Amino acid sequence: SINAMAWYRQAPGKQREFIATISTGGSTNYADSVKG
């Protein structure tokens, strides 16, 4: 089984950052930096 799936990113010298996630039902959340 797979629950939520997500994307993260990590720039050089920086901490890994949350980008977006999507639930099994299709509900999504985005980081403010990438919304829109």
All heavy atoms as atom14 arrays in JSON, in Angstrom:
{
  "sequence": "SINAMAWYRQAPGKQREFIATISTGGSTNYADSVKG",
  "atom14_mask": [
    [1, 1, 1, 1, 1, 1, 0, 0, 0, 0, 0, 0, 0, 0],
    [1, 1, 1, 1, 1, 1, 1, 1, 0, 0, 0, 0, 0, 0],
    [1, 1, 1, 1, 1, 1, 1, 1, 0, 0, 0, 0, 0, 0],
    [1, 1, 1, 1, 1, 0, 0, 0, 0, 0, 0, 0, 0, 0],
    [1, 1, 1, 1, 1, 1, 1, 1, 0, 0, 0, 0, 0, 0],
    [1, 1, 1, 1, 1, 0, 0, 0, 0, 0, 0, 0, 0, 0],
    [1, 1, 1, 1, 1, 1, 1, 1, 1, 1, 1, 1, 1, 1],
    [1, 1, 1, 1, 1, 1, 1, 1, 1, 1, 1, 1, 0, 0],
    [1, 1, 1, 1, 1, 1, 1, 1, 1, 1, 1, 0, 0, 0],
    [1, 1, 1, 1, 1, 1, 1, 1, 1, 0, 0, 0, 0, 0],
    [1, 1, 1, 1, 1, 0, 0, 0, 0, 0, 0, 0, 0, 0],
    [1, 1, 1, 1, 1, 1, 1, 0, 0, 0, 0, 0, 0, 0],
    [1, 1, 1, 1, 0, 0, 0, 0, 0, 0, 0, 0, 0, 0],
    [1, 1, 1, 1, 1, 1, 1, 1, 1, 0, 0, 0, 0, 0],
    [1, 1, 1, 1, 1, 1, 1, 1, 1, 0, 0, 0, 0, 0],
    [1, 1, 1, 1, 1, 1, 1, 1, 1, 1, 1, 0, 0, 0],
    [1, 1, 1, 1, 1, 1, 1, 1, 1, 0, 0, 0, 0, 0],
    [1, 1, 1, 1, 1, 1, 1, 1, 1, 1, 1, 0, 0, 0],
    [1, 1, 1, 1, 1, 1, 1, 1, 0, 0, 0, 0, 0, 0],
    [1, 1, 1, 1, 1, 0, 0, 0, 0, 0, 0, 0, 0, 0],
    [1, 1, 1, 1, 1, 1, 1, 0, 0, 0, 0, 0, 0, 0],
    [1, 1, 1, 1, 1, 1, 1, 1, 0, 0, 0, 0, 0, 0],
    [1, 1, 1, 1, 1, 1, 0, 0, 0, 0, 0, 0, 0, 0],
    [1, 1, 1, 1, 1, 1, 1, 0, 0, 0, 0, 0, 0, 0],
    [1, 1, 1, 1, 0, 0, 0, 0, 0, 0, 0, 0, 0, 0],
    [1, 1, 1, 1, 0, 0, 0, 0, 0, 0, 0, 0, 0, 0],
    [1, 1, 1, 1, 1, 1, 0, 0, 0, 0, 0, 0, 0, 0],
    [1, 1, 1, 1, 1, 1, 1, 0, 0, 0, 0, 0, 0, 0],
    [1, 1, 1, 1, 1, 1, 1, 1, 0, 0, 0, 0, 0, 0],
    [1, 1, 1, 1, 1, 1, 1, 1, 1, 1, 1, 1, 0, 0],
    [1, 1, 1, 1, 1, 0, 0, 0, 0, 0, 0, 0, 0, 0],
    [1, 1, 1, 1, 1, 1, 1, 1, 0, 0, 0, 0, 0, 0],
    [1, 1, 1, 1, 1, 1, 0, 0, 0, 0, 0, 0, 0, 0],
    [1, 1, 1, 1, 1, 1, 1, 0, 0, 0, 0, 0, 0, 0],
    [1, 1, 1, 1, 1, 1, 1, 1, 1, 0, 0, 0, 0, 0],
    [1, 1, 1, 1, 0, 0, 0, 0, 0, 0, 0, 0, 0, 0]
  ],
  "atom14_positions": [
    [[0.83, -1.19, 0.0], [0.0, 0.0, 0.0], [0.87, 1.24, 0.0], [1.93, 1.27, 0.62], [-0.92, 0.01, 1.22], [-1.75, 1.16, 1.23], [0.0, 0.0, 0.0], [0.0, 0.0, 0.0], [0.0, 0.0, 0.0], [0.0, 0.0, 0.0], [0.0, 0.0, 0.0], [0.0, 0.0, 0.0], [0.0, 0.0, 0.0], [0.0, 0.0, 0.0]],
    [[0.42, 2.26, -0.69], [1.07, 3.56, -0.69], [0.08, 4.61, -0.18], [-1.05, 4.69, -0.67], [1.55, 3.96, -2.09], [2.6, 2.98, -2.61], [2.13, 5.38, -2.07], [3.08, 3.27, -4.0], [0.0, 0.0, 0.0], [0.0, 0.0, 0.0], [0.0, 0.0, 0.0], [0.0, 0.0, 0.0], [0.0, 0.0, 0.0], [0.0, 0.0, 0.0]],
    [[0.52, 5.39, 0.77], [-0.29, 6.49, 1.25], [0.11, 7.76, 0.51], [0.17, 7.76, -0.72], [-0.15, 6.64, 2.76], [-0.81, 5.49, 3.5], [-1.81, 4.94, 3.04], [-0.26, 5.12, 4.64], [0.0, 0.0, 0.0], [0.0, 0.0, 0.0], [0.0, 0.0, 0.0], [0.0, 0.0, 0.0], [0.0, 0.0, 0.0], [0.0, 0.0, 0.0]],
    [[0.37, 8.82, 1.22], [0.72, 10.08, 0.57], [2.06, 9.97, -0.15], [2.97, 9.26, 0.29], [0.76, 11.21, 1.59], [0.0, 0.0, 0.0], [0.0, 0.0, 0.0], [0.0, 0.0, 0.0], [0.0, 0.0, 0.0], [0.0, 0.0, 0.0], [0.0, 0.0, 0.0], [0.0, 0.0, 0.0], [0.0, 0.0, 0.0], [0.0, 0.0, 0.0]],
    [[2.17, 10.69, -1.24], [3.43, 10.82, -1.96], [3.79, 12.3, -1.99], [2.91, 13.16, -1.95], [3.32, 10.25, -3.37], [2.86, 8.81, -3.41], [2.87, 8.08, -5.07], [4.63, 7.79, -5.3], [0.0, 0.0, 0.0], [0.0, 0.0, 0.0], [0.0, 0.0, 0.0], [0.0, 0.0, 0.0], [0.0, 0.0, 0.0], [0.0, 0.0, 0.0]],
    [[5.07, 12.58, -2.07], [5.5, 13.96, -1.94], [6.77, 14.22, -2.72], [7.49, 13.29, -3.12], [5.72, 14.32, -0.47], [0.0, 0.0, 0.0], [0.0, 0.0, 0.0], [0.0, 0.0, 0.0], [0.0, 0.0, 0.0], [0.0, 0.0, 0.0], [0.0, 0.0, 0.0], [0.0, 0.0, 0.0], [0.0, 0.0, 0.0], [0.0, 0.0, 0.0]],
    [[7.03, 15.49, -2.93], [8.28, 15.96, -3.51], [8.98, 16.89, -2.54], [8.33, 17.75, -1.92], [8.04, 16.7, -4.83], [7.67, 15.82, -5.97], [6.43, 15.53, -6.41], [8.58, 15.12, -6.83], [6.48, 14.68, -7.49], [7.8, 14.42, -7.77], [9.98, 15.01, -6.89], [8.36, 13.62, -8.77], [10.53, 14.22, -7.88], [9.73, 13.54, -8.8]],
    [[10.27, 16.71, -2.42], [11.14, 17.59, -1.66], [12.27, 18.05, -2.56], [12.5, 17.47, -3.62], [11.73, 16.88, -0.44], [10.76, 16.63, 0.69], [9.74, 15.68, 0.58], [10.87, 17.33, 1.89], [8.86, 15.44, 1.61], [9.99, 17.1, 2.93], [9.0, 16.15, 2.79], [8.12, 15.92, 3.83], [0.0, 0.0, 0.0], [0.0, 0.0, 0.0]],
    [[12.97, 19.06, -2.13], [14.15, 19.49, -2.86], [15.22, 19.95, -1.9], [14.93, 20.34, -0.77], [13.82, 20.6, -3.87], [13.45, 21.94, -3.25], [12.99, 22.91, -4.32], [12.67, 24.22, -3.78], [12.09, 25.19, -4.46], [11.76, 24.99, -5.74], [11.83, 26.36, -3.88], [0.0, 0.0, 0.0], [0.0, 0.0, 0.0], [0.0, 0.0, 0.0]],
    [[16.44, 19.91, -2.36], [17.57, 20.34, -1.55], [18.57, 21.08, -2.42], [19.14, 20.51, -3.34], [18.24, 19.14, -0.87], [19.29, 19.53, 0.14], [19.7, 18.36, 1.01], [19.5, 17.2, 0.65], [20.26, 18.65, 2.17], [0.0, 0.0, 0.0], [0.0, 0.0, 0.0], [0.0, 0.0, 0.0], [0.0, 0.0, 0.0], [0.0, 0.0, 0.0]],
    [[18.74, 22.34, -2.11], [19.71, 23.17, -2.8], [21.06, 23.03, -2.12], [21.14, 22.66, -0.94], [19.26, 24.62, -2.82], [0.0, 0.0, 0.0], [0.0, 0.0, 0.0], [0.0, 0.0, 0.0], [0.0, 0.0, 0.0], [0.0, 0.0, 0.0], [0.0, 0.0, 0.0], [0.0, 0.0, 0.0], [0.0, 0.0, 0.0], [0.0, 0.0, 0.0]],
    [[22.14, 23.32, -2.82], [23.48, 23.2, -2.22], [23.61, 24.01, -0.94], [23.26, 25.19, -0.9], [24.4, 23.75, -3.31], [23.67, 23.49, -4.58], [22.22, 23.71, -4.24], [0.0, 0.0, 0.0], [0.0, 0.0, 0.0], [0.0, 0.0, 0.0], [0.0, 0.0, 0.0], [0.0, 0.0, 0.0], [0.0, 0.0, 0.0], [0.0, 0.0, 0.0]],
    [[24.07, 23.38, 0.12], [24.29, 24.05, 1.38], [23.04, 24.32, 2.18], [23.12, 24.99, 3.22], [0.0, 0.0, 0.0], [0.0, 0.0, 0.0], [0.0, 0.0, 0.0], [0.0, 0.0, 0.0], [0.0, 0.0, 0.0], [0.0, 0.0, 0.0], [0.0, 0.0, 0.0], [0.0, 0.0, 0.0], [0.0, 0.0, 0.0], [0.0, 0.0, 0.0]],
    [[21.9, 23.83, 1.74], [20.65, 24.09, 2.42], [19.99, 22.8, 2.88], [20.31, 21.71, 2.41], [19.7, 24.88, 1.52], [20.19, 26.26, 1.13], [19.16, 27.0, 0.31], [19.64, 28.39, -0.06], [18.62, 29.11, -0.88], [0.0, 0.0, 0.0], [0.0, 0.0, 0.0], [0.0, 0.0, 0.0], [0.0, 0.0, 0.0], [0.0, 0.0, 0.0]],
    [[19.04, 22.96, 3.79], [18.28, 21.84, 4.3], [17.27, 21.36, 3.26], [16.82, 22.14, 2.42], [17.57, 22.24, 5.59], [17.06, 21.07, 6.41], [18.13, 20.47, 7.28], [19.22, 20.14, 6.82], [17.82, 20.33, 8.56], [0.0, 0.0, 0.0], [0.0, 0.0, 0.0], [0.0, 0.0, 0.0], [0.0, 0.0, 0.0], [0.0, 0.0, 0.0]],
    [[16.93, 20.09, 3.33], [15.91, 19.57, 2.44], [14.58, 20.25, 2.73], [14.16, 20.38, 3.88], [15.8, 18.06, 2.58], [14.92, 17.4, 1.53], [15.12, 15.9, 1.5], [16.48, 15.53, 1.1], [16.89, 14.29, 0.9], [16.03, 13.28, 1.03], [18.14, 14.06, 0.56], [0.0, 0.0, 0.0], [0.0, 0.0, 0.0], [0.0, 0.0, 0.0]],
    [[13.9, 20.64, 1.67], [12.7, 21.47, 1.76], [11.49, 20.76, 1.18], [11.55, 20.19, 0.09], [12.95, 22.79, 1.01], [11.76, 23.71, 0.87], [12.01, 24.86, -0.08], [12.99, 24.78, -0.87], [11.25, 25.84, -0.04], [0.0, 0.0, 0.0], [0.0, 0.0, 0.0], [0.0, 0.0, 0.0], [0.0, 0.0, 0.0], [0.0, 0.0, 0.0]],
    [[10.4, 20.81, 1.9], [9.14, 20.27, 1.41], [8.62, 21.1, 0.25], [8.63, 22.33, 0.3], [8.1, 20.25, 2.53], [6.7, 20.03, 2.06], [6.25, 18.76, 1.71], [5.82, 21.09, 1.94], [4.95, 18.56, 1.27], [4.52, 20.9, 1.5], [4.09, 19.63, 1.17], [0.0, 0.0, 0.0], [0.0, 0.0, 0.0], [0.0, 0.0, 0.0]],
    [[8.14, 20.44, -0.79], [7.61, 21.12, -1.96], [6.11, 20.89, -2.12], [5.32, 21.83, -2.2], [8.33, 20.68, -3.24], [9.82, 21.06, -3.17], [7.68, 21.32, -4.47], [10.05, 22.54, -3.0], [0.0, 0.0, 0.0], [0.0, 0.0, 0.0], [0.0, 0.0, 0.0], [0.0, 0.0, 0.0], [0.0, 0.0, 0.0], [0.0, 0.0, 0.0]],
    [[5.71, 19.64, -2.18], [4.31, 19.33, -2.42], [4.01, 17.9, -2.0], [4.88, 17.04, -2.03], [3.96, 19.52, -3.9], [0.0, 0.0, 0.0], [0.0, 0.0, 0.0], [0.0, 0.0, 0.0], [0.0, 0.0, 0.0], [0.0, 0.0, 0.0], [0.0, 0.0, 0.0], [0.0, 0.0, 0.0], [0.0, 0.0, 0.0], [0.0, 0.0, 0.0]],
    [[2.77, 17.67, -1.64], [2.33, 16.32, -1.29], [0.93, 16.09, -1.85], [0.16, 17.04, -2.06], [2.34, 16.09, 0.23], [2.06, 14.72, 0.53], [1.3, 16.97, 0.93], [0.0, 0.0, 0.0], [0.0, 0.0, 0.0], [0.0, 0.0, 0.0], [0.0, 0.0, 0.0], [0.0, 0.0, 0.0], [0.0, 0.0, 0.0], [0.0, 0.0, 0.0]],
    [[0.62, 14.83, -2.07], [-0.7, 14.46, -2.57], [-1.14, 13.18, -1.87], [-0.38, 12.22, -1.75], [-0.69, 14.3, -4.11], [-2.1, 13.99, -4.62], [0.31, 13.24, -4.56], [-2.23, 14.13, -6.14], [0.0, 0.0, 0.0], [0.0, 0.0, 0.0], [0.0, 0.0, 0.0], [0.0, 0.0, 0.0], [0.0, 0.0, 0.0], [0.0, 0.0, 0.0]],
    [[-2.37, 13.18, -1.39], [-2.91, 12.04, -0.67], [-3.43, 11.0, -1.65], [-3.5, 11.22, -2.85], [-4.03, 12.49, 0.26], [-5.18, 12.87, -0.48], [0.0, 0.0, 0.0], [0.0, 0.0, 0.0], [0.0, 0.0, 0.0], [0.0, 0.0, 0.0], [0.0, 0.0, 0.0], [0.0, 0.0, 0.0], [0.0, 0.0, 0.0], [0.0, 0.0, 0.0]],
    [[-3.83, 9.86, -1.1], [-4.4, 8.81, -1.94], [-5.68, 9.27, -2.62], [-6.0, 8.81, -3.71], [-4.69, 7.55, -1.12], [-5.52, 7.88, 0.0], [-3.4, 6.93, -0.61], [0.0, 0.0, 0.0], [0.0, 0.0, 0.0], [0.0, 0.0, 0.0], [0.0, 0.0, 0.0], [0.0, 0.0, 0.0], [0.0, 0.0, 0.0], [0.0, 0.0, 0.0]],
    [[-6.41, 10.17, -1.97], [-7.63, 10.7, -2.53], [-7.46, 11.89, -3.44], [-8.43, 12.39, -4.0], [0.0, 0.0, 0.0], [0.0, 0.0, 0.0], [0.0, 0.0, 0.0], [0.0, 0.0, 0.0], [0.0, 0.0, 0.0], [0.0, 0.0, 0.0], [0.0, 0.0, 0.0], [0.0, 0.0, 0.0], [0.0, 0.0, 0.0], [0.0, 0.0, 0.0]],
    [[-6.23, 12.36, -3.59], [-5.95, 13.45, -4.49], [-5.86, 14.82, -3.86], [-5.68, 15.82, -4.57], [0.0, 0.0, 0.0], [0.0, 0.0, 0.0], [0.0, 0.0, 0.0], [0.0, 0.0, 0.0], [0.0, 0.0, 0.0], [0.0, 0.0, 0.0], [0.0, 0.0, 0.0], [0.0, 0.0, 0.0], [0.0, 0.0, 0.0], [0.0, 0.0, 0.0]],
    [[-5.98, 14.9, -2.54], [-5.82, 16.18, -1.86], [-4.36, 16.61, -1.89], [-3.47, 15.8, -1.67], [-6.3, 16.06, -0.42], [-6.15, 17.29, 0.27], [0.0, 0.0, 0.0], [0.0, 0.0, 0.0], [0.0, 0.0, 0.0], [0.0, 0.0, 0.0], [0.0, 0.0, 0.0], [0.0, 0.0, 0.0], [0.0, 0.0, 0.0], [0.0, 0.0, 0.0]],
    [[-4.12, 17.88, -2.16], [-2.76, 18.38, -2.33], [-2.43, 19.5, -1.36], [-3.31, 20.23, -0.9], [-2.53, 18.88, -3.76], [-3.45, 19.95, -4.04], [-2.74, 17.77, -4.77], [0.0, 0.0, 0.0], [0.0, 0.0, 0.0], [0.0, 0.0, 0.0], [0.0, 0.0, 0.0], [0.0, 0.0, 0.0], [0.0, 0.0, 0.0], [0.0, 0.0, 0.0]],
    [[-1.15, 19.63, -1.08], [-0.61, 20.75, -0.33], [0.7, 21.17, -0.97], [1.46, 20.34, -1.45], [-0.38, 20.39, 1.13], [-1.64, 20.39, 1.95], [-2.34, 21.4, 2.03], [-1.96, 19.26, 2.57], [0.0, 0.0, 0.0], [0.0, 0.0, 0.0], [0.0, 0.0, 0.0], [0.0, 0.0, 0.0], [0.0, 0.0, 0.0], [0.0, 0.0, 0.0]],
    [[0.96, 22.48, -0.95], [2.15, 23.02, -1.57], [2.87, 23.96, -0.63], [2.26, 24.65, 0.19], [1.8, 23.8, -2.84], [1.16, 22.97, -3.92], [-0.21, 22.83, -4.01], [1.96, 22.34, -4.88], [-0.79, 22.07, -5.01], [1.37, 21.58, -5.89], [0.0, 21.45, -5.95], [-0.57, 20.7, -6.95], [0.0, 0.0, 0.0], [0.0, 0.0, 0.0]],
    [[4.17, 24.01, -0.78], [4.94, 25.03, -0.12], [4.6, 26.39, -0.73], [4.31, 26.49, -1.92], [6.43, 24.76, -0.25], [0.0, 0.0, 0.0], [0.0, 0.0, 0.0], [0.0, 0.0, 0.0], [0.0, 0.0, 0.0], [0.0, 0.0, 0.0], [0.0, 0.0, 0.0], [0.0, 0.0, 0.0], [0.0, 0.0, 0.0], [0.0, 0.0, 0.0]],
    [[4.65, 27.43, 0.1], [4.31, 28.76, -0.39], [5.2, 29.18, -1.57], [4.75, 29.91, -2.46], [4.44, 29.78, 0.74], [3.34, 29.64, 1.77], [2.29, 29.04, 1.46], [3.52, 30.15, 2.89], [0.0, 0.0, 0.0], [0.0, 0.0, 0.0], [0.0, 0.0, 0.0], [0.0, 0.0, 0.0], [0.0, 0.0, 0.0], [0.0, 0.0, 0.0]],
    [[6.42, 28.73, -1.57], [7.36, 29.14, -2.59], [7.01, 28.64, -3.99], [7.51, 29.18, -4.98], [8.78, 28.68, -2.23], [8.82, 27.27, -2.1], [0.0, 0.0, 0.0], [0.0, 0.0, 0.0], [0.0, 0.0, 0.0], [0.0, 0.0, 0.0], [0.0, 0.0, 0.0], [0.0, 0.0, 0.0], [0.0, 0.0, 0.0], [0.0, 0.0, 0.0]],
    [[6.16, 27.63, -4.07], [5.84, 27.05, -5.37], [4.36, 27.12, -5.71], [3.96, 26.7, -6.81], [6.32, 25.59, -5.48], [7.81, 25.51, -5.18], [5.53, 24.68, -4.55], [0.0, 0.0, 0.0], [0.0, 0.0, 0.0], [0.0, 0.0, 0.0], [0.0, 0.0, 0.0], [0.0, 0.0, 0.0], [0.0, 0.0, 0.0], [0.0, 0.0, 0.0]],
    [[3.54, 27.62, -4.81], [2.11, 27.7, -5.07], [1.82, 28.52, -6.32], [2.39, 29.59, -6.52], [1.38, 28.31, -3.88], [1.22, 27.38, -2.7], [0.46, 28.05, -1.56], [0.29, 27.11, -0.39], [-0.39, 27.76, 0.76], [0.0, 0.0, 0.0], [0.0, 0.0, 0.0], [0.0, 0.0, 0.0], [0.0, 0.0, 0.0], [0.0, 0.0, 0.0]],
    [[0.94, 28.0, -7.14], [0.59, 28.68, -8.38], [1.51, 28.38, -9.53], [1.19, 28.73, -10.68], [0.0, 0.0, 0.0], [0.0, 0.0, 0.0], [0.0, 0.0, 0.0], [0.0, 0.0, 0.0], [0.0, 0.0, 0.0], [0.0, 0.0, 0.0], [0.0, 0.0, 0.0], [0.0, 0.0, 0.0], [0.0, 0.0, 0.0], [0.0, 0.0, 0.0]]
  ]
}
